[in-house]
Amino acid sequence: MVVGQKLVNETGTNNSLGSAHSALAAGIGVLFGVNSVTGIWNMWDARKDPNGHRKRTIHGILMLVADAGFVATAASAPKRENNAQGVRINGDPSTHRAIALTSIGVATVGYVYMLFAR
């Protein structure tokens, strides 16, 4: 979030901020991709176990919604274009940020729910 905001606020070209933001985004993407595969696999293996079925289902749905949100975050990423007038941002950074924060929030709720729900 901090790196992304600095990237939006920069008027010049700063490749290191862009690279850092891309690396962080890729890390989150890989983490949630692996979590999705293992989560779906675990849900499939436990599908006939009635103990905690509701809890696992709600957690799984929340995490899959968060995954979809992260895909939407990547799709809504604004592009920075350099031209004779300077740097122009093509897209809406506030929409990108809102989708990202909502996805992080949904993932956090899913994680906390799994920890504390009975």
PDB file of N, CA and C in Angstrom:
ATOM      1  N   MET A   1       0.823  -1.172   0.000  1.00  0.00           N
ATOM      2  CA  MET A   1       0.000   0.000   0.000  1.00  0.00           C
ATOM      3  C   MET A   1       0.878   1.250   0.000  1.00  0.00           C
ATOM      4  N   VAL A   2       1.899   1.271   0.835  1.00  0.00           N
ATOM      5  CA  VAL A   2       2.777   2.435   0.920  1.00  0.00           C
ATOM      6  C   VAL A   2       3.549   2.612  -0.381  1.00  0.00           C
ATOM      7  N   VAL A   3       4.077   1.517  -0.903  1.00  0.00           N
ATOM      8  CA  VAL A   3       4.847   1.592  -2.143  1.00  0.00           C
ATOM      9  C   VAL A   3       3.948   2.033  -3.290  1.00  0.00           C
ATOM     10  N   GLY A   4       2.749   1.518  -3.351  1.00  0.00           N
ATOM     11  CA  GLY A   4       1.814   1.899  -4.400  1.00  0.00           C
ATOM     12  C   GLY A   4       1.448   3.373  -4.330  1.00  0.00           C
ATOM     13  N   GLN A   5       1.221   3.881  -3.123  1.00  0.00           N
ATOM     14  CA  GLN A   5       0.875   5.296  -2.974  1.00  0.00           C
ATOM     15  C   GLN A   5       2.046   6.183  -3.377  1.00  0.00           C
ATOM     16  N   LYS A   6       3.264   5.787  -2.992  1.00  0.00           N
ATOM     17  CA  LYS A   6       4.445   6.553  -3.409  1.00  0.00           C
ATOM     18  C   LYS A   6       4.581   6.533  -4.925  1.00  0.00           C
ATOM     19  N   LEU A   7       4.270   5.413  -5.528  1.00  0.00           N
ATOM     20  CA  LEU A   7       4.347   5.283  -6.980  1.00  0.00           C
ATOM     21  C   LEU A   7       3.369   6.229  -7.662  1.00  0.00           C
ATOM     22  N   VAL A   8       2.169   6.368  -7.113  1.00  0.00           N
ATOM     23  CA  VAL A   8       1.174   7.281  -7.671  1.00  0.00           C
ATOM     24  C   VAL A   8       1.606   8.734  -7.474  1.00  0.00           C
ATOM     25  N   ASN A   9       2.187   9.030  -6.319  1.00  0.00           N
ATOM     26  CA  ASN A   9       2.571  10.404  -5.997  1.00  0.00           C
ATOM     27  C   ASN A   9       3.812  10.875  -6.751  1.00  0.00           C
ATOM     28  N   GLU A  10       4.640   9.953  -7.222  1.00  0.00           N
ATOM     29  CA  GLU A  10       5.860  10.310  -7.953  1.00  0.00           C
ATOM     30  C   GLU A  10       5.499  10.987  -9.268  1.00  0.00           C
ATOM     31  N   THR A  11       6.141  12.105  -9.534  1.00  0.00           N
ATOM     32  CA  THR A  11       5.890  12.779 -10.805  1.00  0.00           C
ATOM     33  C   THR A  11       6.876  12.339 -11.873  1.00  0.00           C
ATOM     34  N   GLY A  12       8.048  11.915 -11.475  1.00  0.00           N
ATOM     35  CA  GLY A  12       9.053  11.449 -12.434  1.00  0.00           C
ATOM     36  C   GLY A  12       8.970   9.946 -12.599  1.00  0.00           C
ATOM     37  N   THR A  13       9.916   9.424 -13.312  1.00  0.00           N
ATOM     38  CA  THR A  13       9.957   7.978 -13.487  1.00  0.00           C
ATOM     39  C   THR A  13      10.856   7.394 -12.417  1.00  0.00           C
ATOM     40  N   ASN A  14      10.341   6.477 -11.650  1.00  0.00           N
ATOM     41  CA  ASN A  14      11.103   5.813 -10.610  1.00  0.00           C
ATOM     42  C   ASN A  14      10.921   4.316 -10.808  1.00  0.00           C
ATOM     43  N   ASN A  15      11.860   3.733 -11.507  1.00  0.00           N
ATOM     44  CA  ASN A  15      11.745   2.312 -11.824  1.00  0.00           C
ATOM     45  C   ASN A  15      11.852   1.427 -10.597  1.00  0.00           C
ATOM     46  N   SER A  16      12.586   1.881  -9.560  1.00  0.00           N
ATOM     47  CA  SER A  16      12.736   1.043  -8.375  1.00  0.00           C
ATOM     48  C   SER A  16      11.410   0.905  -7.624  1.00  0.00           C
ATOM     49  N   LEU A  17      10.622   1.975  -7.550  1.00  0.00           N
ATOM     50  CA  LEU A  17       9.309   1.874  -6.914  1.00  0.00           C
ATOM     51  C   LEU A  17       8.393   0.953  -7.717  1.00  0.00           C
ATOM     52  N   GLY A  18       8.413   1.103  -9.025  1.00  0.00           N
ATOM     53  CA  GLY A  18       7.598   0.241  -9.881  1.00  0.00           C
ATOM     54  C   GLY A  18       7.998  -1.218  -9.750  1.00  0.00           C
ATOM     55  N   SER A  19       9.294  -1.468  -9.690  1.00  0.00           N
ATOM     56  CA  SER A  19       9.779  -2.840  -9.534  1.00  0.00           C
ATOM     57  C   SER A  19       9.388  -3.412  -8.177  1.00  0.00           C
ATOM     58  N   ALA A  20       9.514  -2.592  -7.124  1.00  0.00           N
ATOM     59  CA  ALA A  20       9.147  -3.051  -5.785  1.00  0.00           C
ATOM     60  C   ALA A  20       7.650  -3.367  -5.718  1.00  0.00           C
ATOM     61  N   HIS A  21       6.848  -2.495  -6.304  1.00  0.00           N
ATOM     62  CA  HIS A  21       5.397  -2.711  -6.291  1.00  0.00           C
ATOM     63  C   HIS A  21       5.046  -3.980  -7.073  1.00  0.00           C
ATOM     64  N   SER A  22       5.673  -4.164  -8.207  1.00  0.00           N
ATOM     65  CA  SER A  22       5.421  -5.368  -9.015  1.00  0.00           C
ATOM     66  C   SER A  22       5.849  -6.632  -8.275  1.00  0.00           C
ATOM     67  N   ALA A  23       6.996  -6.570  -7.581  1.00  0.00           N
ATOM     68  CA  ALA A  23       7.476  -7.734  -6.834  1.00  0.00           C
ATOM     69  C   ALA A  23       6.536  -8.072  -5.680  1.00  0.00           C
ATOM     70  N   LEU A  24       6.074  -7.052  -4.971  1.00  0.00           N
ATOM     71  CA  LEU A  24       5.128  -7.288  -3.878  1.00  0.00           C
ATOM     72  C   LEU A  24       3.809  -7.862  -4.411  1.00  0.00           C
ATOM     73  N   ALA A  25       3.327  -7.321  -5.502  1.00  0.00           N
ATOM     74  CA  ALA A  25       2.088  -7.815  -6.111  1.00  0.00           C
ATOM     75  C   ALA A  25       2.247  -9.262  -6.574  1.00  0.00           C
ATOM     76  N   ALA A  26       3.379  -9.564  -7.180  1.00  0.00           N
ATOM     77  CA  ALA A  26       3.625 -10.935  -7.633  1.00  0.00           C
ATOM     78  C   ALA A  26       3.695 -11.895  -6.446  1.00  0.00           C
ATOM     79  N   GLY A  27       4.320 -11.462  -5.364  1.00  0.00           N
ATOM     80  CA  GLY A  27       4.400 -12.291  -4.157  1.00  0.00           C
ATOM     81  C   GLY A  27       3.026 -12.598  -3.589  1.00  0.00           C
ATOM     82  N   ILE A  28       2.170 -11.579  -3.525  1.00  0.00           N
ATOM     83  CA  ILE A  28       0.809 -11.788  -3.041  1.00  0.00           C
ATOM     84  C   ILE A  28       0.061 -12.722  -3.982  1.00  0.00           C
ATOM     85  N   GLY A  29       0.259 -12.532  -5.286  1.00  0.00           N
ATOM     86  CA  GLY A  29      -0.400 -13.395  -6.262  1.00  0.00           C
ATOM     87  C   GLY A  29       0.014 -14.849  -6.124  1.00  0.00           C
ATOM     88  N   VAL A  30       1.301 -15.085  -5.955  1.00  0.00           N
ATOM     89  CA  VAL A  30       1.793 -16.462  -5.793  1.00  0.00           C
ATOM     90  C   VAL A  30       1.271 -17.055  -4.490  1.00  0.00           C
ATOM     91  N   LEU A  31       1.332 -16.282  -3.400  1.00  0.00           N
ATOM     92  CA  LEU A  31       0.859 -16.768  -2.104  1.00  0.00           C
ATOM     93  C   LEU A  31      -0.608 -17.187  -2.183  1.00  0.00           C
ATOM     94  N   PHE A  32      -1.450 -16.335  -2.744  1.00  0.00           N
ATOM     95  CA  PHE A  32      -2.865 -16.664  -2.809  1.00  0.00           C
ATOM     96  C   PHE A  32      -3.155 -17.728  -3.851  1.00  0.00           C
ATOM     97  N   GLY A  33      -2.355 -17.817  -4.889  1.00  0.00           N
ATOM     98  CA  GLY A  33      -2.516 -18.901  -5.851  1.00  0.00           C
ATOM     99  C   GLY A  33      -2.251 -20.250  -5.214  1.00  0.00           C
ATOM    100  N   VAL A  34      -1.152 -20.348  -4.465  1.00  0.00           N
ATOM    101  CA  VAL A  34      -0.822 -21.598  -3.771  1.00  0.00           C
ATOM    102  C   VAL A  34      -1.873 -21.905  -2.713  1.00  0.00           C
ATOM    103  N   ASN A  35      -2.284 -20.864  -1.966  1.00  0.00           N
ATOM    104  CA  ASN A  35      -3.328 -21.075  -0.954  1.00  0.00           C
ATOM    105  C   ASN A  35      -4.620 -21.564  -1.581  1.00  0.00           C
ATOM    106  N   SER A  36      -4.953 -21.061  -2.760  1.00  0.00           N
ATOM    107  CA  SER A  36      -6.183 -21.497  -3.430  1.00  0.00           C
ATOM    108  C   SER A  36      -6.107 -22.962  -3.808  1.00  0.00           C
ATOM    109  N   VAL A  37      -4.987 -23.366  -4.383  1.00  0.00           N
ATOM    110  CA  VAL A  37      -4.837 -24.763  -4.796  1.00  0.00           C
ATOM    111  C   VAL A  37      -4.906 -25.684  -3.588  1.00  0.00           C
ATOM    112  N   THR A  38      -4.143 -25.363  -2.541  1.00  0.00           N
ATOM    113  CA  THR A  38      -4.149 -26.234  -1.360  1.00  0.00           C
ATOM    114  C   THR A  38      -5.488 -26.170  -0.627  1.00  0.00           C
ATOM    115  N   GLY A  39      -6.111 -24.997  -0.605  1.00  0.00           N
ATOM    116  CA  GLY A  39      -7.405 -24.861   0.060  1.00  0.00           C
ATOM    117  C   GLY A  39      -8.492 -25.657  -0.625  1.00  0.00           C
ATOM    118  N   ILE A  40      -8.550 -25.577  -1.945  1.00  0.00           N
ATOM    119  CA  ILE A  40      -9.550 -26.344  -2.696  1.00  0.00           C
ATOM    120  C   ILE A  40      -9.287 -27.840  -2.540  1.00  0.00           C
ATOM    121  N   TRP A  41      -8.022 -28.208  -2.571  1.00  0.00           N
ATOM    122  CA  TRP A  41      -7.640 -29.602  -2.386  1.00  0.00           C
ATOM    123  C   TRP A  41      -8.102 -30.101  -1.004  1.00  0.00           C
ATOM    124  N   ASN A  42      -7.842 -29.295   0.034  1.00  0.00           N
ATOM    125  CA  ASN A  42      -8.258 -29.676   1.387  1.00  0.00           C
ATOM    126  C   ASN A  42      -9.778 -29.741   1.507  1.00  0.00           C
ATOM    127  N   MET A  43     -10.469 -28.789   0.878  1.00  0.00           N
ATOM    128  CA  MET A  43     -11.937 -28.827   0.915  1.00  0.00           C
ATOM    129  C   MET A  43     -12.464 -30.094   0.241  1.00  0.00           C
ATOM    130  N   TRP A  44     -11.840 -30.476  -0.850  1.00  0.00           N
ATOM    131  CA  TRP A  44     -12.264 -31.679  -1.569  1.00  0.00           C
ATOM    132  C   TRP A  44     -12.024 -32.924  -0.708  1.00  0.00           C
ATOM    133  N   ASP A  45     -10.846 -33.004  -0.074  1.00  0.00           N
ATOM    134  CA  ASP A  45     -10.538 -34.154   0.773  1.00  0.00           C
ATOM    135  C   ASP A  45     -11.462 -34.251   1.986  1.00  0.00           C
ATOM    136  N   ALA A  46     -11.894 -33.115   2.518  1.00  0.00           N
ATOM    137  CA  ALA A  46     -12.715 -33.104   3.732  1.00  0.00           C
ATOM    138  C   ALA A  46     -14.209 -32.975   3.436  1.00  0.00           C
ATOM    139  N   ARG A  47     -14.603 -33.128   2.195  1.00  0.00           N
ATOM    140  CA  ARG A  47     -15.994 -32.873   1.813  1.00  0.00           C
ATOM    141  C   ARG A  47     -16.993 -33.781   2.523  1.00  0.00           C
ATOM    142  N   LYS A  48     -16.592 -34.978   2.928  1.00  0.00           N
ATOM    143  CA  LYS A  48     -17.510 -35.916   3.571  1.00  0.00           C
ATOM    144  C   LYS A  48     -17.399 -35.904   5.095  1.00  0.00           C
ATOM    145  N   ASP A  49     -16.480 -35.104   5.619  1.00  0.00           N
ATOM    146  CA  ASP A  49     -16.316 -35.004   7.071  1.00  0.00           C
ATOM    147  C   ASP A  49     -17.274 -33.940   7.604  1.00  0.00           C
ATOM    148  N   PRO A  50     -18.271 -34.350   8.401  1.00  0.00           N
ATOM    149  CA  PRO A  50     -19.258 -33.373   8.876  1.00  0.00           C
ATOM    150  C   PRO A  50     -18.709 -32.425   9.955  1.00  0.00           C
ATOM    151  N   ASN A  51     -17.633 -32.799  10.615  1.00  0.00           N
ATOM    152  CA  ASN A  51     -17.065 -31.957  11.666  1.00  0.00           C
ATOM    153  C   ASN A  51     -16.439 -30.705  11.070  1.00  0.00           C
ATOM    154  N   GLY A  52     -16.983 -29.546  11.410  1.00  0.00           N
ATOM    155  CA  GLY A  52     -16.435 -28.276  10.940  1.00  0.00           C
ATOM    156  C   GLY A  52     -16.729 -27.960   9.490  1.00  0.00           C
ATOM    157  N   HIS A  53     -17.705 -28.649   8.898  1.00  0.00           N
ATOM    158  CA  HIS A  53     -18.003 -28.448   7.480  1.00  0.00           C
ATOM    159  C   HIS A  53     -18.427 -27.006   7.187  1.00  0.00           C
ATOM    160  N   ARG A  54     -19.309 -26.468   8.006  1.00  0.00           N
ATOM    161  CA  ARG A  54     -19.787 -25.092   7.788  1.00  0.00           C
ATOM    162  C   ARG A  54     -18.630 -24.101   7.908  1.00  0.00           C
ATOM    163  N   LYS A  55     -17.819 -24.297   8.925  1.00  0.00           N
ATOM    164  CA  LYS A  55     -16.663 -23.419   9.153  1.00  0.00           C
ATOM    165  C   LYS A  55     -15.700 -23.455   7.966  1.00  0.00           C
ATOM    166  N   ARG A  56     -15.383 -24.639   7.486  1.00  0.00           N
ATOM    167  CA  ARG A  56     -14.476 -24.779   6.338  1.00  0.00           C
ATOM    168  C   ARG A  56     -15.077 -24.167   5.081  1.00  0.00           C
ATOM    169  N   THR A  57     -16.380 -24.356   4.906  1.00  0.00           N
ATOM    170  CA  THR A  57     -17.038 -23.829   3.709  1.00  0.00           C
ATOM    171  C   THR A  57     -17.034 -22.304   3.705  1.00  0.00           C
ATOM    172  N   ILE A  58     -17.396 -21.699   4.827  1.00  0.00           N
ATOM    173  CA  ILE A  58     -17.398 -20.231   4.905  1.00  0.00           C
ATOM    174  C   ILE A  58     -15.989 -19.690   4.708  1.00  0.00           C
ATOM    175  N   HIS A  59     -15.020 -20.296   5.353  1.00  0.00           N
ATOM    176  CA  HIS A  59     -13.625 -19.872   5.190  1.00  0.00           C
ATOM    177  C   HIS A  59     -13.190 -19.993   3.728  1.00  0.00           C
ATOM    178  N   GLY A  60     -13.498 -21.123   3.125  1.00  0.00           N
ATOM    179  CA  GLY A  60     -13.103 -21.350   1.733  1.00  0.00           C
ATOM    180  C   GLY A  60     -13.732 -20.344   0.782  1.00  0.00           C
ATOM    181  N   ILE A  61     -15.005 -20.058   0.981  1.00  0.00           N
ATOM    182  CA  ILE A  61     -15.684 -19.085   0.117  1.00  0.00           C
ATOM    183  C   ILE A  61     -15.074 -17.693   0.287  1.00  0.00           C
ATOM    184  N   LEU A  62     -14.837 -17.297   1.540  1.00  0.00           N
ATOM    185  CA  LEU A  62     -14.221 -15.980   1.770  1.00  0.00           C
ATOM    186  C   LEU A  62     -12.850 -15.879   1.109  1.00  0.00           C
ATOM    187  N   MET A  63     -12.057 -16.929   1.214  1.00  0.00           N
ATOM    188  CA  MET A  63     -10.722 -16.887   0.618  1.00  0.00           C
ATOM    189  C   MET A  63     -10.794 -16.883  -0.913  1.00  0.00           C
ATOM    190  N   LEU A  64     -11.743 -17.598  -1.490  1.00  0.00           N
ATOM    191  CA  LEU A  64     -11.896 -17.575  -2.944  1.00  0.00           C
ATOM    192  C   LEU A  64     -12.394 -16.211  -3.427  1.00  0.00           C
ATOM    193  N   VAL A  65     -13.259 -15.568  -2.642  1.00  0.00           N
ATOM    194  CA  VAL A  65     -13.690 -14.206  -2.975  1.00  0.00           C
ATOM    195  C   VAL A  65     -12.489 -13.263  -2.931  1.00  0.00           C
ATOM    196  N   ALA A  66     -11.647 -13.421  -1.919  1.00  0.00           N
ATOM    197  CA  ALA A  66     -10.433 -12.595  -1.835  1.00  0.00           C
ATOM    198  C   ALA A  66      -9.532 -12.845  -3.043  1.00  0.00           C
ATOM    199  N   ASP A  67      -9.403 -14.103  -3.451  1.00  0.00           N
ATOM    200  CA  ASP A  67      -8.604 -14.429  -4.644  1.00  0.00           C
ATOM    201  C   ASP A  67      -9.149 -13.729  -5.881  1.00  0.00           C
ATOM    202  N   ALA A  68     -10.450 -13.777  -6.042  1.00  0.00           N
ATOM    203  CA  ALA A  68     -11.069 -13.090  -7.184  1.00  0.00           C
ATOM    204  C   ALA A  68     -10.803 -11.593  -7.103  1.00  0.00           C
ATOM    205  N   GLY A  69     -10.822 -11.061  -5.906  1.00  0.00           N
ATOM    206  CA  GLY A  69     -10.508  -9.646  -5.714  1.00  0.00           C
ATOM    207  C   GLY A  69      -9.080  -9.312  -6.097  1.00  0.00           C
ATOM    208  N   PHE A  70      -8.150 -10.207  -5.792  1.00  0.00           N
ATOM    209  CA  PHE A  70      -6.765  -9.955  -6.177  1.00  0.00           C
ATOM    210  C   PHE A  70      -6.583 -10.012  -7.693  1.00  0.00           C
ATOM    211  N   VAL A  71      -7.334 -10.875  -8.344  1.00  0.00           N
ATOM    212  CA  VAL A  71      -7.300 -10.901  -9.814  1.00  0.00           C
ATOM    213  C   VAL A  71      -7.865  -9.583 -10.357  1.00  0.00           C
ATOM    214  N   ALA A  72      -8.953  -9.115  -9.759  1.00  0.00           N
ATOM    215  CA  ALA A  72      -9.538  -7.836 -10.174  1.00  0.00           C
ATOM    216  C   ALA A  72      -8.578  -6.679  -9.889  1.00  0.00           C
ATOM    217  N   THR A  73      -7.832  -6.775  -8.802  1.00  0.00           N
ATOM    218  CA  THR A  73      -6.835  -5.751  -8.477  1.00  0.00           C
ATOM    219  C   THR A  73      -5.788  -5.680  -9.577  1.00  0.00           C
ATOM    220  N   ALA A  74      -5.303  -6.830  -9.988  1.00  0.00           N
ATOM    221  CA  ALA A  74      -4.296  -6.852 -11.059  1.00  0.00           C
ATOM    222  C   ALA A  74      -4.885  -6.307 -12.361  1.00  0.00           C
ATOM    223  N   ALA A  75      -6.128  -6.657 -12.640  1.00  0.00           N
ATOM    224  CA  ALA A  75      -6.758  -6.201 -13.880  1.00  0.00           C
ATOM    225  C   ALA A  75      -7.003  -4.695 -13.882  1.00  0.00           C
ATOM    226  N   SER A  76      -7.179  -4.116 -12.712  1.00  0.00           N
ATOM    227  CA  SER A  76      -7.464  -2.679 -12.621  1.00  0.00           C
ATOM    228  C   SER A  76      -6.221  -1.823 -12.429  1.00  0.00           C
ATOM    229  N   ALA A  77      -5.056  -2.438 -12.488  1.00  0.00           N
ATOM    230  CA  ALA A  77      -3.811  -1.690 -12.250  1.00  0.00           C
ATOM    231  C   ALA A  77      -3.633  -0.580 -13.284  1.00  0.00           C
ATOM    232  N   PRO A  78      -3.426   0.647 -12.810  1.00  0.00           N
ATOM    233  CA  PRO A  78      -3.197   1.745 -13.755  1.00  0.00           C
ATOM    234  C   PRO A  78      -1.824   1.616 -14.410  1.00  0.00           C
ATOM    235  N   LYS A  79      -1.726   2.125 -15.595  1.00  0.00           N
ATOM    236  CA  LYS A  79      -0.458   2.106 -16.343  1.00  0.00           C
ATOM    237  C   LYS A  79       0.152   3.505 -16.322  1.00  0.00           C
ATOM    238  N   ARG A  80       1.451   3.555 -16.119  1.00  0.00           N
ATOM    239  CA  ARG A  80       2.160   4.834 -16.162  1.00  0.00           C
ATOM    240  C   ARG A  80       2.757   5.001 -17.554  1.00  0.00           C
ATOM    241  N   GLU A  81       2.475   6.135 -18.163  1.00  0.00           N
ATOM    242  CA  GLU A  81       2.992   6.409 -19.503  1.00  0.00           C
ATOM    243  C   GLU A  81       3.825   7.684 -19.458  1.00  0.00           C
ATOM    244  N   ASN A  82       4.996   7.619 -20.056  1.00  0.00           N
ATOM    245  CA  ASN A  82       5.854   8.798 -20.158  1.00  0.00           C
ATOM    246  C   ASN A  82       5.652   9.427 -21.525  1.00  0.00           C
ATOM    247  N   ASN A  83       5.414  10.737 -21.534  1.00  0.00           N
ATOM    248  CA  ASN A  83       5.289  11.446 -22.798  1.00  0.00           C
ATOM    249  C   ASN A  83       5.980  12.800 -22.669  1.00  0.00           C
ATOM    250  N   ALA A  84       5.848  13.636 -23.661  1.00  0.00           N
ATOM    251  CA  ALA A  84       6.541  14.927 -23.670  1.00  0.00           C
ATOM    252  C   ALA A  84       6.087  15.830 -22.520  1.00  0.00           C
ATOM    253  N   GLN A  85       4.856  15.663 -22.056  1.00  0.00           N
ATOM    254  CA  GLN A  85       4.340  16.486 -20.960  1.00  0.00           C
ATOM    255  C   GLN A  85       4.697  15.924 -19.585  1.00  0.00           C
ATOM    256  N   GLY A  86       5.299  14.782 -19.521  1.00  0.00           N
ATOM    257  CA  GLY A  86       5.666  14.151 -18.252  1.00  0.00           C
ATOM    258  C   GLY A  86       5.017  12.790 -18.117  1.00  0.00           C
ATOM    259  N   VAL A  87       4.836  12.362 -16.881  1.00  0.00           N
ATOM    260  CA  VAL A  87       4.260  11.056 -16.606  1.00  0.00           C
ATOM    261  C   VAL A  87       2.749  11.190 -16.503  1.00  0.00           C
ATOM    262  N   ARG A  88       2.060  10.301 -17.186  1.00  0.00           N
ATOM    263  CA  ARG A  88       0.602  10.270 -17.131  1.00  0.00           C
ATOM    264  C   ARG A  88       0.165   8.903 -16.644  1.00  0.00           C
ATOM    265  N   ILE A  89      -0.792   8.879 -15.747  1.00  0.00           N
ATOM    266  CA  ILE A  89      -1.323   7.612 -15.245  1.00  0.00           C
ATOM    267  C   ILE A  89      -2.599   7.304 -16.012  1.00  0.00           C
ATOM    268  N   ASN A  90      -2.593   6.171 -16.699  1.00  0.00           N
ATOM    269  CA  ASN A  90      -3.738   5.742 -17.491  1.00  0.00           C
ATOM    270  C   ASN A  90      -4.510   4.706 -16.677  1.00  0.00           C
ATOM    271  N   GLY A  91      -5.595   5.116 -16.078  1.00  0.00           N
ATOM    272  CA  GLY A  91      -6.379   4.258 -15.205  1.00  0.00           C
ATOM    273  C   GLY A  91      -6.638   4.990 -13.895  1.00  0.00           C
ATOM    274  N   ASP A  92      -7.407   4.386 -13.018  1.00  0.00           N
ATOM    275  CA  ASP A  92      -7.766   5.022 -11.758  1.00  0.00           C
ATOM    276  C   ASP A  92      -7.073   4.340 -10.587  1.00  0.00           C
ATOM    277  N   PRO A  93      -6.028   4.971 -10.037  1.00  0.00           N
ATOM    278  CA  PRO A  93      -5.318   4.367  -8.906  1.00  0.00           C
ATOM    279  C   PRO A  93      -6.205   4.162  -7.675  1.00  0.00           C
ATOM    280  N   SER A  94      -7.196   5.035  -7.471  1.00  0.00           N
ATOM    281  CA  SER A  94      -8.042   4.882  -6.284  1.00  0.00           C
ATOM    282  C   SER A  94      -8.923   3.636  -6.381  1.00  0.00           C
ATOM    283  N   THR A  95      -9.387   3.302  -7.569  1.00  0.00           N
ATOM    284  CA  THR A  95     -10.166   2.071  -7.754  1.00  0.00           C
ATOM    285  C   THR A  95      -9.286   0.849  -7.517  1.00  0.00           C
ATOM    286  N   HIS A  96      -8.080   0.881  -8.069  1.00  0.00           N
ATOM    287  CA  HIS A  96      -7.115  -0.203  -7.886  1.00  0.00           C
ATOM    288  C   HIS A  96      -6.842  -0.418  -6.398  1.00  0.00           C
ATOM    289  N   ARG A  97      -6.605   0.675  -5.679  1.00  0.00           N
ATOM    290  CA  ARG A  97      -6.316   0.604  -4.248  1.00  0.00           C
ATOM    291  C   ARG A  97      -7.528   0.095  -3.470  1.00  0.00           C
ATOM    292  N   ALA A  98      -8.715   0.566  -3.801  1.00  0.00           N
ATOM    293  CA  ALA A  98      -9.928   0.133  -3.098  1.00  0.00           C
ATOM    294  C   ALA A  98     -10.170  -1.362  -3.272  1.00  0.00           C
ATOM    295  N   ILE A  99      -9.972  -1.858  -4.474  1.00  0.00           N
ATOM    296  CA  ILE A  99     -10.155  -3.295  -4.717  1.00  0.00           C
ATOM    297  C   ILE A  99      -9.114  -4.094  -3.937  1.00  0.00           C
ATOM    298  N   ALA A 100      -7.868  -3.607  -3.933  1.00  0.00           N
ATOM    299  CA  ALA A 100      -6.797  -4.299  -3.204  1.00  0.00           C
ATOM    300  C   ALA A 100      -7.091  -4.338  -1.705  1.00  0.00           C
ATOM    301  N   LEU A 101      -7.472  -3.199  -1.133  1.00  0.00           N
ATOM    302  CA  LEU A 101      -7.749  -3.158   0.306  1.00  0.00           C
ATOM    303  C   LEU A 101      -8.970  -3.998   0.672  1.00  0.00           C
ATOM    304  N   THR A 102      -9.975  -4.008  -0.179  1.00  0.00           N
ATOM    305  CA  THR A 102     -11.151  -4.848   0.068  1.00  0.00           C
ATOM    306  C   THR A 102     -10.765  -6.319   0.036  1.00  0.00           C
ATOM    307  N   SER A 103      -9.930  -6.703  -0.920  1.00  0.00           N
ATOM    308  CA  SER A 103      -9.484  -8.090  -1.019  1.00  0.00           C
ATOM    309  C   SER A 103      -8.669  -8.499   0.199  1.00  0.00           C
ATOM    310  N   ILE A 104      -7.793  -7.609   0.652  1.00  0.00           N
ATOM    311  CA  ILE A 104      -7.006  -7.882   1.861  1.00  0.00           C
ATOM    312  C   ILE A 104      -7.936  -8.023   3.061  1.00  0.00           C
ATOM    313  N   GLY A 105      -8.952  -7.166   3.138  1.00  0.00           N
ATOM    314  CA  GLY A 105      -9.913  -7.243   4.235  1.00  0.00           C
ATOM    315  C   GLY A 105     -10.700  -8.538   4.240  1.00  0.00           C
ATOM    316  N   VAL A 106     -11.172  -8.950   3.074  1.00  0.00           N
ATOM    317  CA  VAL A 106     -11.930 -10.207   2.983  1.00  0.00           C
ATOM    318  C   VAL A 106     -11.040 -11.390   3.362  1.00  0.00           C
ATOM    319  N   ALA A 107      -9.793 -11.393   2.896  1.00  0.00           N
ATOM    320  CA  ALA A 107      -8.862 -12.469   3.246  1.00  0.00           C
ATOM    321  C   ALA A 107      -8.597 -12.493   4.749  1.00  0.00           C
ATOM    322  N   THR A 108      -8.472 -11.324   5.352  1.00  0.00           N
ATOM    323  CA  THR A 108      -8.239 -11.246   6.802  1.00  0.00           C
ATOM    324  C   THR A 108      -9.442 -11.775   7.573  1.00  0.00           C
ATOM    325  N   VAL A 109     -10.647 -11.404   7.138  1.00  0.00           N
ATOM    326  CA  VAL A 109     -11.859 -11.907   7.788  1.00  0.00           C
ATOM    327  C   VAL A 109     -11.923 -13.432   7.661  1.00  0.00           C
ATOM    328  N   GLY A 110     -11.613 -13.963   6.492  1.00  0.00           N
ATOM    329  CA  GLY A 110     -11.615 -15.413   6.294  1.00  0.00           C
ATOM    330  C   GLY A 110     -10.617 -16.123   7.182  1.00  0.00           C
ATOM    331  N   TYR A 111      -9.440 -15.536   7.328  1.00  0.00           N
ATOM    332  CA  TYR A 111      -8.397 -16.122   8.174  1.00  0.00           C
ATOM    333  C   TYR A 111      -8.805 -16.085   9.644  1.00  0.00           C
ATOM    334  N   VAL A 112      -9.260 -14.930  10.108  1.00  0.00           N
ATOM    335  CA  VAL A 112      -9.648 -14.770  11.509  1.00  0.00           C
ATOM    336  C   VAL A 112     -10.861 -15.643  11.827  1.00  0.00           C
ATOM    337  N   TYR A 113     -11.800 -15.735  10.896  1.00  0.00           N
ATOM    338  CA  TYR A 113     -12.964 -16.591  11.096  1.00  0.00           C
ATOM    339  C   TYR A 113     -12.533 -18.041  11.327  1.00  0.00           C
ATOM    340  N   MET A 114     -11.593 -18.522  10.536  1.00  0.00           N
ATOM    341  CA  MET A 114     -11.136 -19.915  10.678  1.00  0.00           C
ATOM    342  C   MET A 114     -10.461 -20.123  12.025  1.00  0.00           C
ATOM    343  N   LEU A 115      -9.781 -19.095  12.526  1.00  0.00           N
ATOM    344  CA  LEU A 115      -9.098 -19.229  13.813  1.00  0.00           C
ATOM    345  C   LEU A 115     -10.066 -19.280  14.992  1.00  0.00           C
ATOM    346  N   PHE A 116     -11.115 -18.455  14.942  1.00  0.00           N
ATOM    347  CA  PHE A 116     -11.937 -18.252  16.122  1.00  0.00           C
ATOM    348  C   PHE A 116     -13.346 -18.828  16.062  1.00  0.00           C
ATOM    349  N   ALA A 117     -13.823 -19.210  14.905  1.00  0.00           N
ATOM    350  CA  ALA A 117     -15.178 -19.764  14.814  1.00  0.00           C
ATOM    351  C   ALA A 117     -15.231 -21.136  15.428  1.00  0.00           C
ATOM    352  N   ARG A 118     -16.385 -21.464  15.963  1.00  0.00           N
ATOM    353  CA  ARG A 118     -16.554 -22.793  16.571  1.00  0.00           C
ATOM    354  C   ARG A 118     -17.405 -23.673  15.720  1.00  0.00           C
TER     355      ARG A 118
END
